[in-house]
Protein backbone atom coordinates (compact mmCIF):
# COMPACT_ATOMS: atom_id res chain seq x y z
CA MET A 1 -25.50 -38.63 -9.86
CA ARG A 2 -24.13 -35.32 -11.08
CA GLU A 3 -23.34 -34.89 -14.78
CA TYR A 4 -19.77 -33.81 -15.56
CA ASP A 5 -19.60 -30.39 -17.24
CA PRO A 6 -16.01 -29.25 -17.91
CA LEU A 7 -17.22 -25.67 -18.45
CA SER A 8 -19.14 -25.36 -15.18
CA VAL A 9 -17.89 -22.71 -12.77
CA ASP A 10 -16.93 -25.36 -10.21
CA GLU A 11 -14.96 -27.44 -12.70
CA LEU A 12 -13.21 -24.39 -14.18
CA GLY A 13 -12.23 -23.39 -10.65
CA ARG A 14 -10.82 -26.85 -9.95
CA SER A 15 -8.85 -26.77 -13.21
CA ALA A 16 -7.44 -23.33 -12.42
CA ALA A 17 -6.44 -24.45 -8.91
CA ARG A 18 -4.68 -27.55 -10.27
CA ALA A 19 -2.78 -25.49 -12.84
CA LEU A 20 -1.75 -22.93 -10.23
CA MET A 21 -0.48 -25.61 -7.86
CA ASP A 22 1.65 -27.13 -10.67
CA TYR A 23 3.93 -24.06 -10.71
CA PRO A 24 7.15 -24.60 -8.75
CA PRO A 25 7.65 -22.37 -5.70
CA ASP A 26 10.04 -19.45 -5.90
CA LYS A 27 11.47 -17.16 -3.24
CA LEU A 28 10.49 -13.56 -2.59
CA PRO A 29 11.33 -11.01 -3.79
CA PRO A 30 11.41 -11.90 -7.49
CA THR A 31 14.95 -11.62 -8.83
CA ASP A 32 13.95 -10.11 -12.19
CA ALA A 33 11.19 -7.65 -13.05
CA PHE A 34 8.46 -8.96 -15.36
CA THR A 35 5.19 -7.77 -16.86
CA GLY A 36 1.75 -9.23 -16.38
CA ALA A 37 -1.08 -9.53 -13.91
CA GLY A 38 -2.59 -12.59 -12.33
CA VAL A 39 -2.98 -14.90 -9.37
CA TYR A 40 -0.27 -15.84 -6.91
CA THR A 41 0.09 -18.05 -3.85
CA LEU A 42 2.27 -17.68 -0.78
CA ASN A 43 3.70 -20.89 0.60
CA TYR A 44 5.46 -20.96 3.96
CA MET A 45 8.73 -22.87 4.29
CA GLY A 46 9.80 -21.93 7.82
CA LYS A 47 9.40 -23.40 11.28
CA PHE A 48 6.46 -21.35 12.58
CA PRO A 49 4.27 -23.92 14.39
CA ALA A 50 0.95 -22.67 13.00
CA TYR A 51 2.04 -23.44 9.42
CA GLN A 52 4.21 -26.54 9.85
CA ASP A 53 1.37 -29.01 9.26
CA LEU A 54 0.63 -27.49 5.85
CA GLY A 55 4.04 -28.25 4.43
CA ALA A 56 5.51 -26.18 1.62
CA GLU A 57 3.10 -27.59 -0.99
CA TRP A 58 -0.04 -25.91 0.46
CA PRO A 59 -0.42 -22.14 0.19
CA ILE A 60 -1.16 -20.04 3.25
CA TYR A 61 -2.51 -17.24 1.04
CA VAL A 62 -3.89 -16.83 -2.49
CA GLY A 63 -3.93 -13.34 -3.99
CA LYS A 64 -4.57 -11.56 -7.26
CA ALA A 65 -2.96 -8.56 -8.93
CA ASP A 66 -5.18 -6.78 -11.46
CA PRO A 67 -3.87 -4.59 -14.29
CA PRO A 68 -4.47 -0.84 -13.90
CA GLY A 69 -8.08 0.14 -14.64
CA ARG A 70 -9.49 -3.35 -14.12
CA ARG A 71 -11.20 -2.45 -10.85
CA GLN A 72 -13.07 0.35 -12.61
CA GLY A 73 -14.40 -2.07 -15.24
CA ARG A 74 -12.01 -1.06 -18.01
CA THR A 75 -10.77 -4.15 -19.83
CA ALA A 76 -8.49 -2.72 -22.51
CA VAL A 77 -4.87 -2.38 -21.43
CA SER A 78 -2.90 0.08 -23.51
CA ARG A 79 0.53 -0.97 -22.27
CA PRO A 80 2.07 -3.94 -20.48
CA SER A 81 1.55 -3.81 -16.73
CA SER A 82 3.90 -4.88 -13.97
CA ALA A 83 0.96 -5.37 -11.56
CA LEU A 84 1.94 -8.86 -10.39
CA TYR A 85 5.63 -8.03 -9.97
CA SER A 86 4.75 -4.87 -8.04
CA ARG A 87 2.35 -6.77 -5.77
CA LEU A 88 5.00 -9.40 -4.98
CA ILE A 89 7.51 -6.67 -4.06
CA ILE A 90 4.93 -5.12 -1.71
CA VAL A 91 4.11 -8.52 -0.16
CA ASP A 92 7.80 -9.24 0.40
CA SER A 93 8.32 -5.84 2.02
CA PHE A 94 5.33 -6.37 4.31
CA ILE A 95 6.54 -9.83 5.34
CA MET A 96 10.06 -8.62 6.04
CA HIS A 97 9.29 -5.24 7.65
CA GLY A 98 5.62 -5.20 8.67
CA PRO A 99 2.96 -2.62 7.80
């Protein structure tokens, strides 16, 4: 029997996934600009046969938008970033118009 450890990587991942799935879906593109970075999911609500069995409650994609400098290992952010908003605008444009 496995001992429960709420701070284990697996359990933290499960907690993060549950919290993410508790957010209500919203349509793209976002109606108002906002600041912040983070994780997002794309849920499909159309009639495309490949995605119909998932239903709207299961994401077809999970992504992440990092603040500027994060990929280079810099952790201090000097100003608020619109990384997540910008990523969602790009995703919406790609979905609507292609690459």
